[in-house]
Protein backbone atom coordinates (compact mmCIF):
# COMPACT_ATOMS: atom_id res chain seq x y z
CA MET A 1 165.31 -159.59 80.28
CA GLY A 2 165.60 -157.71 76.98
CA MET A 3 163.37 -158.68 74.07
CA PRO A 4 162.24 -157.19 70.77
CA ILE A 5 158.57 -157.36 70.77
CA ASN A 6 155.76 -156.38 68.12
CA SER A 7 154.73 -153.53 70.40
CA TYR A 8 151.70 -152.55 68.14
CA SER A 9 150.11 -156.08 67.98
CA ILE A 10 150.39 -156.53 71.91
CA LEU A 11 149.35 -153.02 72.72
CA ASN A 12 146.35 -152.93 70.37
CA ILE A 13 145.16 -156.46 71.65
CA LEU A 14 145.66 -155.20 75.30
CA ALA A 15 143.74 -151.89 74.51
CA ASN A 16 140.87 -153.34 72.13
CA GLY A 17 140.84 -157.01 72.57
CA GLY A 18 141.02 -159.39 69.68
CA GLU A 19 140.20 -163.12 68.89
CA GLN A 20 140.45 -165.50 71.85
CA PHE A 21 143.71 -167.13 70.59
CA GLU A 22 145.20 -163.76 70.19
CA VAL A 23 144.19 -162.52 73.73
CA GLU A 24 145.62 -165.81 75.05
CA ALA A 25 148.78 -165.49 73.20
CA VAL A 26 149.54 -162.14 74.60
CA ARG A 27 148.73 -163.38 78.04
CA ARG A 28 151.09 -166.20 77.69
CA ALA A 29 153.90 -163.98 76.22
CA LEU A 30 153.67 -161.54 78.98
CA GLU A 31 152.44 -163.42 82.16
CA HIS A 32 156.22 -164.29 83.20
CA PHE A 33 156.90 -160.58 83.60
CA ARG A 34 155.99 -158.20 86.62
CA CYS A 35 157.39 -154.91 85.19
CA PHE A 36 157.85 -153.47 81.65
CA ALA A 37 160.21 -150.79 80.62
CA PHE A 38 160.74 -149.17 77.06
CA ILE A 39 163.53 -147.08 76.10
CA LEU A 40 162.61 -143.89 74.43
CA HIS A 41 165.28 -142.03 72.50
CA ASP A 42 165.94 -140.26 69.24
CA PRO A 43 168.67 -142.14 67.26
CA GLU A 44 169.51 -138.98 65.13
CA LYS A 45 170.07 -136.76 68.39
CA ASP A 46 171.42 -139.35 70.64
CA LYS A 47 173.65 -141.28 68.19
CA ASP A 48 176.22 -142.32 70.66
CA PHE A 49 173.32 -143.64 73.09
CA HIS A 50 171.94 -145.57 70.16
CA LYS A 51 175.17 -147.31 69.48
CA PHE A 52 175.65 -148.06 73.25
CA LEU A 53 172.14 -149.66 73.18
CA SER A 54 173.36 -151.97 70.35
CA ARG A 55 176.59 -152.74 71.65
CA GLU A 56 175.50 -153.43 75.22
CA PHE A 57 172.17 -155.44 74.71
CA ASP A 58 173.54 -158.68 75.80
CA ARG A 59 174.95 -157.45 79.14
CA LEU A 60 171.80 -155.36 79.88
CA ASP A 61 169.74 -158.44 79.17
CA TYR A 62 171.76 -160.43 81.76
CA ILE A 63 171.73 -157.90 84.57
CA THR A 64 167.89 -157.17 84.31
CA GLY A 65 167.01 -160.72 85.58
CA ASP A 66 163.83 -162.38 84.23
CA LYS A 67 160.90 -160.41 85.85
CA LEU A 68 161.57 -157.17 84.04
CA LEU A 69 160.99 -157.01 80.31
CA PHE A 70 162.73 -154.03 78.62
CA PHE A 71 162.33 -153.23 74.81
CA ALA A 72 162.18 -150.38 72.33
CA LEU A 73 158.55 -149.34 71.25
CA VAL A 74 159.92 -148.59 67.68
CA ASP A 75 163.06 -148.90 65.55
CA PRO A 76 165.04 -151.27 67.87
CA PRO A 77 168.85 -151.33 67.32
CA GLU A 78 169.66 -154.06 64.76
CA GLU A 79 171.61 -156.14 67.38
CA TRP A 80 168.50 -156.46 69.46
CA LEU A 81 166.75 -158.14 66.57
CA ARG A 82 169.42 -160.66 65.89
CA HIS A 83 169.87 -161.39 69.57
CA GLY A 84 166.25 -161.76 70.32
CA ARG A 85 165.67 -164.51 67.66
CA LYS A 86 168.22 -166.84 69.48
CA ARG A 87 166.71 -166.60 72.87
CA PRO A 88 165.40 -169.95 74.37
CA TYR A 89 162.37 -168.05 75.70
CA TYR A 90 161.39 -167.07 72.30
CA GLN A 91 161.95 -170.50 70.75
CA LYS A 92 159.58 -172.14 73.29
CA LEU A 93 156.58 -169.75 72.20
CA ASP A 94 153.85 -170.90 69.85
CA TYR A 95 153.23 -169.46 66.44
CA PHE A 96 151.09 -166.53 67.47
CA SER A 97 153.10 -165.67 70.41
CA LYS A 98 156.06 -165.77 68.04
CA GLN A 99 154.12 -163.32 65.86
CA MET A 100 153.84 -160.96 68.82
CA LEU A 101 157.65 -161.20 69.34
CA ASN A 102 158.64 -161.42 65.71
CA ALA A 103 161.39 -158.69 65.08
CA ASN A 104 160.21 -158.40 61.41
CA ASN A 105 156.65 -157.15 62.65
CA TYR A 106 158.41 -154.36 64.60
CA PRO A 107 157.05 -151.00 63.97
CA LYS A 108 159.47 -149.18 61.87
CA THR A 109 159.58 -145.47 60.77
CA SER A 110 161.20 -143.67 58.04
CA ASP A 111 161.93 -140.88 60.56
CA PRO A 112 162.75 -142.08 63.89
CA SER A 113 163.16 -138.57 65.35
CA ILE A 114 159.47 -137.75 64.64
CA SER A 115 158.33 -140.88 66.19
CA ALA A 116 160.43 -140.35 69.33
CA TYR A 117 159.10 -136.77 69.59
CA THR A 118 155.49 -137.87 69.17
CA LEU A 119 155.73 -140.66 71.63
CA ALA A 120 157.31 -138.27 74.18
CA LYS A 121 154.77 -135.51 73.59
CA THR A 122 151.81 -138.24 74.09
CA MET A 123 153.34 -139.08 77.42
CA GLY A 124 153.95 -135.71 78.55
CA ILE A 125 157.80 -136.15 78.42
CA PRO A 126 159.61 -132.92 77.19
CA TYR A 127 161.72 -133.85 74.22
CA ARG A 128 164.80 -132.25 75.70
CA ASP A 129 164.75 -135.14 78.43
CA LEU A 130 165.21 -137.73 76.05
CA PRO A 131 166.70 -140.52 76.24
CA CYS A 132 164.53 -141.74 79.08
CA VAL A 133 163.06 -145.09 80.28
CA VAL A 134 159.33 -145.41 80.79
CA VAL A 135 158.12 -148.09 83.20
CA THR A 136 154.80 -149.61 84.06
CA THR A 137 153.56 -152.68 85.80
CA ASP A 138 150.40 -152.81 83.69
CA PHE A 139 149.90 -151.56 80.12
CA ASN A 140 146.15 -151.80 80.72
CA GLY A 141 146.45 -149.41 83.60
CA PRO A 142 146.84 -145.63 83.40
CA PHE A 143 149.94 -145.41 85.78
CA TYR A 144 153.70 -145.19 84.73
CA PHE A 145 156.81 -143.28 85.48
CA TRP A 146 159.80 -142.21 83.49
CA VAL A 147 163.47 -141.46 84.39
CA HIS A 148 166.01 -139.59 82.22
CA THR A 149 168.86 -141.84 81.16
CA ASP A 150 172.13 -141.78 79.56
CA GLN A 151 175.04 -144.24 78.82
CA GLN A 152 176.39 -143.78 82.23
CA ARG A 153 173.20 -144.44 84.13
CA LEU A 154 171.16 -146.89 82.16
CA SER A 155 172.83 -150.19 83.28
CA LYS A 156 172.30 -149.18 86.92
CA GLN A 157 168.67 -148.06 86.33
CA LEU A 158 167.88 -151.22 84.64
CA GLU A 159 169.58 -153.27 87.14
CA LYS A 160 167.65 -151.64 89.94
CA LEU A 161 164.33 -152.08 88.12
CA GLY A 162 165.16 -155.71 87.55
CA TYR A 163 165.63 -156.13 91.46
CA GLU A 164 162.43 -154.17 92.06
CA ALA A 165 160.40 -156.20 89.53
CA GLU A 166 161.59 -159.30 91.45
CA ARG A 167 160.53 -157.86 94.89
CA GLN A 168 157.49 -156.08 93.36
CA ARG A 169 158.47 -152.86 95.30
CA TYR A 170 159.34 -149.70 93.44
CA SER A 171 160.72 -146.63 95.31
CA GLY A 172 161.85 -143.02 94.57
CA TYR A 173 159.52 -142.62 91.38
CA ASN A 174 157.03 -140.09 90.63
CA PHE A 175 154.04 -141.92 88.88
CA GLU A 176 152.08 -140.15 86.31
CA LYS A 177 148.62 -141.03 84.78
CA ILE A 178 147.12 -141.36 81.34
CA GLU A 179 143.48 -141.53 81.73
CA THR A 180 142.84 -143.85 78.82
CA GLY A 181 145.50 -146.21 79.95
CA LEU A 182 149.04 -146.60 78.43
CA ALA A 183 148.12 -149.40 75.85
CA SER A 184 145.01 -147.27 74.59
CA ALA A 185 147.32 -144.17 74.33
CA LEU A 186 150.22 -145.82 72.50
CA ALA A 187 148.47 -147.99 70.13
CA PRO A 188 147.05 -145.55 67.78
CA ILE A 189 150.53 -143.81 67.32
CA LEU A 190 152.11 -147.30 66.64
CA SER A 191 149.42 -148.07 64.11
CA VAL A 192 150.69 -145.35 61.69
CA MET A 193 154.08 -147.17 61.74
CA VAL A 194 153.17 -150.80 60.96
CA SER A 195 154.15 -152.07 57.56
CA GLY A 196 152.55 -154.56 55.25
CA ASP A 197 154.77 -157.49 56.65
CA ASP A 198 152.86 -157.33 59.93
CA TYR A 199 150.17 -159.87 60.31
CA GLN A 200 147.95 -157.23 61.91
CA PHE A 201 148.69 -154.91 59.18
CA HIS A 202 145.11 -154.37 58.17
CA ASN A 203 143.91 -153.67 61.60
CA ALA A 204 146.59 -151.14 62.01
CA GLU A 205 145.83 -149.45 58.74
CA LYS A 206 142.21 -149.15 59.80
CA GLN A 207 143.02 -147.79 63.10
CA ALA A 208 145.46 -145.24 61.69
CA LYS A 209 142.78 -143.88 59.27
CA ASN A 210 140.21 -143.74 62.02
CA THR A 211 142.60 -141.98 64.31
CA ILE A 212 143.63 -139.30 61.76
CA GLN A 213 139.99 -138.74 60.66
CA GLU A 214 138.90 -138.34 64.41
CA LEU A 215 141.70 -135.81 64.88
CA TYR A 216 140.65 -134.03 61.77
CA GLN A 217 136.99 -133.85 62.76
CA ILE A 218 138.12 -132.24 66.18
CA PHE A 219 140.43 -130.01 64.14
CA GLU A 220 137.57 -128.65 61.98
CA SER A 221 135.42 -128.00 64.93
CA LEU A 222 138.06 -125.87 66.81
CA LYS A 223 138.71 -123.88 63.43
CA VAL A 224 135.57 -121.84 63.86
CA SER A 225 136.17 -120.97 67.52
CA PRO A 226 138.84 -118.28 67.97
CA GLU A 227 138.54 -118.69 71.88
CA TYR A 228 139.84 -122.17 71.46
CA GLU A 229 143.10 -121.21 69.72
CA GLU A 230 145.38 -122.87 71.98
CA GLU A 231 143.56 -126.23 71.83
CA TYR A 232 143.25 -125.68 67.93
CA LEU A 233 147.25 -125.38 67.75
CA GLU A 234 147.62 -128.44 70.01
CA ASN A 235 145.19 -130.52 68.11
CA GLY A 236 146.70 -129.46 64.80
CA GLU A 237 150.28 -130.33 65.80
CA GLU A 238 149.02 -133.78 67.01
CA LEU A 239 147.20 -134.21 63.50
CA ALA A 240 150.34 -132.99 61.67
CA LEU A 241 152.61 -135.49 63.54
CA PHE A 242 150.27 -138.47 62.72
CA LEU A 243 150.17 -137.37 59.10
CA ALA A 244 153.96 -136.98 59.06
CA LEU A 245 154.20 -140.56 60.55
CA SER A 246 151.68 -142.07 58.02
CA ASN A 247 154.10 -140.55 55.10
CA LYS A 248 156.18 -143.63 54.22
CA SER A 249 158.59 -141.76 52.14
CA GLU A 250 162.28 -142.53 52.71
CA PHE A 251 164.21 -140.00 55.07
CA GLN A 252 166.55 -139.19 52.15
CA LYS A 253 163.73 -138.08 49.88
CA ILE A 254 162.16 -135.70 52.52
CA ASP A 255 165.57 -134.43 53.53
CA HIS A 256 166.07 -133.48 49.88
CA VAL A 257 162.74 -131.71 49.69
CA ARG A 258 163.52 -129.93 53.15
CA ARG A 259 166.89 -128.64 51.88
CA ASN A 260 165.38 -127.43 48.49
CA LEU A 261 162.11 -125.89 50.09
CA LEU A 262 163.56 -124.59 53.31
CA PRO A 263 167.45 -124.48 53.22
CA ILE A 264 167.81 -123.38 56.80
CA SER A 265 171.15 -124.70 58.26
CA LYS A 266 170.67 -127.37 60.98
CA ASN A 267 173.65 -125.85 62.79
CA TYR A 268 171.49 -122.89 63.95
CA ILE A 269 168.28 -124.50 65.10
CA GLU A 270 167.25 -126.87 67.92
CA ALA A 271 166.90 -130.51 67.41
CA ASP A 272 163.17 -130.42 68.13
CA SER A 273 162.83 -127.29 65.80
CA GLU A 274 164.23 -129.47 62.98
CA ILE A 275 161.62 -132.15 63.68
CA MET A 276 158.94 -129.55 63.65
CA LEU A 277 160.32 -128.35 60.36
CA ARG A 278 160.58 -131.73 59.07
CA THR A 279 157.08 -132.67 60.13
CA GLY A 280 155.71 -129.88 58.18
CA ILE A 281 157.61 -131.01 55.02
CA ARG A 282 156.30 -134.52 55.41
CA VAL A 283 152.64 -133.32 55.81
CA ILE A 284 153.01 -130.99 52.72
CA ASN A 285 154.55 -133.89 50.81
CA LEU A 286 151.84 -136.28 51.76
CA LEU A 287 149.10 -133.92 50.74
CA ASN A 288 150.84 -132.98 47.52
CA GLU A 289 151.16 -136.44 46.47
CA THR A 290 147.70 -138.12 47.83
CA ASP A 291 145.52 -139.19 45.07
CA PRO A 292 142.24 -137.26 45.39
CA GLU A 293 140.36 -140.64 44.73
CA ASN A 294 142.15 -142.36 47.61
CA GLN A 295 143.12 -139.83 50.19
CA GLN A 296 144.54 -140.81 53.47
CA SER A 297 141.56 -140.98 55.95
CA ASN A 298 139.60 -138.67 53.55
CA PHE A 299 141.64 -135.69 54.68
CA PRO A 300 140.97 -132.76 52.37
CA GLN A 301 143.94 -132.50 49.87
CA GLN A 302 143.83 -128.77 49.75
CA ASP A 303 143.66 -128.15 53.58
CA TYR A 304 147.56 -127.27 54.41
CA SER A 305 146.65 -126.02 57.84
CA PRO A 306 148.55 -128.88 59.67
CA GLY A 307 151.63 -128.08 57.56
CA ILE A 308 151.29 -124.28 58.18
CA ILE A 309 150.97 -125.15 62.06
CA SER A 310 154.16 -127.26 61.95
CA LEU A 311 156.19 -124.74 60.17
CA THR A 312 154.99 -121.84 62.35
CA LYS A 313 155.60 -124.08 65.47
CA PHE A 314 159.30 -124.36 64.33
CA PHE A 315 159.63 -120.70 64.03
CA GLU A 316 157.97 -120.07 67.39
CA ARG A 317 160.32 -122.40 69.09
CA GLU A 318 163.32 -120.58 67.74
CA ILE A 319 161.85 -117.18 68.75
CA ASN A 320 161.12 -118.57 72.34
CA LEU A 321 164.67 -119.39 73.03
CA SER A 322 165.99 -116.14 71.52
CA ILE A 323 163.98 -113.07 71.37
CA VAL A 324 161.79 -114.21 74.21
CA HIS A 325 164.98 -114.75 76.45
CA PHE A 326 166.13 -111.35 75.26
CA LEU A 327 162.83 -110.09 76.76
CA ARG A 328 163.19 -112.13 79.90
CA ASP A 329 166.68 -110.83 80.38
CA PHE A 330 165.34 -107.18 79.96
CA ARG A 331 162.98 -108.16 82.88
CA GLU A 332 166.05 -109.23 84.90
CA ILE A 333 165.12 -112.94 85.09
CA ARG A 334 168.29 -114.64 85.93
CA LEU A 335 170.14 -116.07 82.93
CA PRO A 336 171.61 -118.39 82.04
CA VAL A 337 170.52 -120.13 85.30
CA TYR A 338 166.79 -120.06 84.32
CA PHE A 339 167.14 -120.47 80.62
CA GLU A 340 164.05 -122.22 79.31
CA LYS A 341 163.15 -122.51 83.11
CA TYR A 342 160.64 -120.91 85.31
CA GLN A 343 162.31 -118.77 88.21
CA PRO A 344 160.38 -119.42 91.41
CA ASP A 345 161.92 -116.69 93.47
CA PHE A 346 161.31 -113.96 90.76
CA LYS A 347 159.86 -110.80 92.48
CA GLY A 348 159.91 -108.25 89.53
CA ASP A 349 157.53 -107.34 86.78
CA LYS A 350 157.21 -110.48 84.67
CA TYR A 351 155.08 -109.07 81.98
CA ILE A 352 155.63 -106.98 78.85
CA ARG A 353 152.20 -106.13 77.36
CA HIS A 354 150.21 -109.29 77.51
CA ALA A 355 153.32 -111.57 77.46
CA ASN A 356 154.03 -113.29 80.78
CA LEU A 357 157.69 -114.07 80.62
CA ASN A 358 157.87 -116.22 83.75
CA LYS A 359 154.70 -118.40 83.47
CA ASN A 360 154.68 -121.33 85.53
CA LYS A 361 152.92 -124.65 84.31
CA LYS A 362 153.31 -127.45 86.77
CA GLY A 363 156.94 -126.17 87.73
CA ILE A 364 157.84 -125.86 83.96
CA TRP A 365 158.30 -122.52 82.15
CA GLU A 366 155.63 -121.80 79.68
CA ALA A 367 156.54 -119.26 76.75
CA PRO A 368 154.05 -116.58 75.74
CA THR A 369 151.96 -117.17 72.64
CA LEU A 370 153.59 -116.25 69.36
CA GLY A 371 151.29 -113.07 69.19
CA GLN A 372 151.97 -111.94 72.69
CA SER A 373 155.78 -112.35 72.06
CA ARG A 374 155.48 -110.16 68.97
CA GLU A 375 153.65 -107.37 70.78
CA ALA A 376 156.17 -107.51 73.58
CA PHE A 377 159.20 -107.38 71.21
CA GLU A 378 157.70 -104.47 69.32
CA ASP A 379 156.98 -102.48 72.43
CA THR A 380 160.66 -103.14 73.75
CA TYR A 381 162.48 -102.13 70.61
CA GLU A 382 160.39 -99.14 70.02
CA LYS A 383 161.89 -97.88 73.50
CA ASP A 384 165.16 -98.28 71.98
CA PHE A 385 165.84 -101.60 73.94
CA ILE A 386 167.32 -104.06 71.24
CA PRO A 387 169.12 -107.35 71.31
CA PRO A 388 172.98 -107.06 71.54
CA GLU A 389 174.74 -106.49 68.17
CA TRP A 390 171.31 -105.84 66.55
CA THR A 391 170.23 -102.71 64.96
CA LEU A 392 166.61 -101.00 65.15
CA LYS A 393 166.27 -101.77 61.18
CA GLU A 394 166.95 -105.47 61.95
CA CYS A 395 164.19 -105.66 64.71
CA GLU A 396 161.66 -104.00 62.34
CA THR A 397 162.65 -106.30 59.45
CA LEU A 398 162.22 -109.40 61.84
CA GLN A 399 158.94 -107.95 63.01
CA GLU A 400 157.64 -107.59 59.33
CA HIS A 401 158.12 -111.35 58.60
CA TRP A 402 156.97 -112.30 62.01
CA GLN A 403 153.77 -110.46 61.46
CA LYS A 404 153.05 -112.27 58.11
CA ILE A 405 153.90 -115.59 59.50
CA TYR A 406 151.63 -115.03 62.51
CA ASP A 407 148.98 -113.65 60.16
CA LYS A 408 148.89 -116.98 58.06
CA ARG A 409 148.76 -119.21 61.06
CA ASN A 410 145.98 -117.40 62.76
CA PRO A 411 143.36 -117.23 59.81
CA ALA A 412 143.86 -120.96 59.69
CA ALA A 413 142.11 -121.23 63.03
CA HIS A 414 139.07 -119.19 61.75
CA THR A 415 138.75 -120.17 58.23
CA LYS A 416 137.41 -123.38 56.53
CA LEU A 417 140.45 -124.27 54.52
CA SER A 418 144.07 -122.97 54.53
CA ASN A 419 145.11 -123.16 50.89
CA HIS A 420 148.49 -123.71 49.01
CA GLU A 421 148.79 -119.97 48.67
CA SER A 422 148.84 -119.39 52.19
CA LEU A 423 151.37 -122.24 52.81
CA ASN A 424 153.71 -120.57 50.15
CA ILE A 425 153.61 -117.21 51.96
CA VAL A 426 154.75 -118.78 55.21
CA ILE A 427 157.61 -120.62 53.22
CA ASN A 428 158.51 -117.50 51.42
CA GLU A 429 158.63 -115.49 54.83
CA LEU A 430 160.83 -118.08 56.49
CA ASN A 431 163.20 -118.29 53.40
CA GLY A 432 163.28 -114.41 53.51
CA LEU A 433 164.45 -114.64 57.17
CA ASN A 434 166.96 -117.23 56.27
CA SER A 435 168.34 -115.26 53.30
CA ALA A 436 168.98 -112.19 55.58
CA ASN A 437 170.77 -114.52 58.16
CA TYR A 438 168.18 -114.18 60.82
CA PHE A 439 168.39 -117.79 62.02
CA GLU A 440 172.11 -117.42 62.46
CA LYS A 441 171.32 -114.11 64.41
CA LEU A 442 168.74 -115.93 66.62
CA TYR A 443 171.30 -118.70 67.22
CA ARG A 444 173.85 -116.15 68.63
CA LEU A 445 171.20 -114.95 70.74
CA LYS A 446 170.51 -118.48 72.05
CA CYS A 447 174.09 -118.96 72.81
CA THR A 448 174.25 -115.51 74.69
CA TYR A 449 171.41 -116.31 76.92
CA ARG A 450 172.67 -119.92 77.55
CA GLY A 451 175.81 -118.61 78.74
CA ILE A 452 177.86 -120.17 75.71
CA ALA A 453 180.56 -117.81 74.75
């Protein structure tokens, strides 16, 4: 059965409890189901899939039976909302249960791509594997599994899950675990997306502020510890994503700011790189416009570290798929077969300086750090090994911009505040690279090592 539900209200009550009538309403709303599946996708990246979901809702609803509840956590297709209100099941519920299932209370975002990226990251799902179906039998429990999907596979996958929910037997899946439990992990993210129309808006607003404040306190504690740089950057990205989601500015406004501030062509960069870039813009916009007397969760207005981290993450992502793959090719890792993948049977030297070019993390390739990659690239081109159709001067110019970007990200980890001047330097360096057509050059390298003519 497909049903638009107010996912924040339900997950928050499951995770944190509530009034007795609310807990009872959640129990009644969900007691009929044995399995829950939510579809996670980026409507911008997966436009055809999004249209398919809208068009096929009624059929998917029919084939899944009545023991599986499938839904979208955020930003449901409009057709789902119209259809859900007409369901006999919905009509039989009491007032508070209807609030749980009320389409008007659905978490909505002004940038669905950032919300999809954030949810996927929280659940350990690579963004490149979206769209996917995430499945659990208990939102209060820690166990779930996910499967990649598309227009061709979704119907059969949901039909199979409907059958398995009826039989309460699930086979062929790799279960994963979130220690805090799914509801506890997802409710804070959804809290920043809840609008003032939601009857639990004030609870969500309070939870969002508390979550951002807690992330900022961790962020501050990691700043003064250079040995925790990796954790600092991970926490900084998480903080940036929450701040970006809390910025309710319309997509068109932020896109206008992005095109004026960093007019890098979307044609040359990855979909997730664009999300990182837009996240940085949303954070900067939020901090620039925040009233000092009423700041979002008391976040220091002048601390642009999260914005800097997002912009440098964007740069790092593009470097990883271009220059780092030039280095991997130099070390004779098989490309394009192992583009952005770990090569398990590689026997050669996987290092250049401190950069491990074939690092394995649970079967997934992990790129070197931005600093390690920079040193490895410099070591390589100084020995006259340069990317195809590049000149030595182009390598040196990239390295100069790279060094300045790296310098402005790194001090952010070791100083109290990263000011607007540091942010402007990062923006100017990225624009300098763009003006010299470096993102087009990096794009061509990506095509080369992906095996695209």
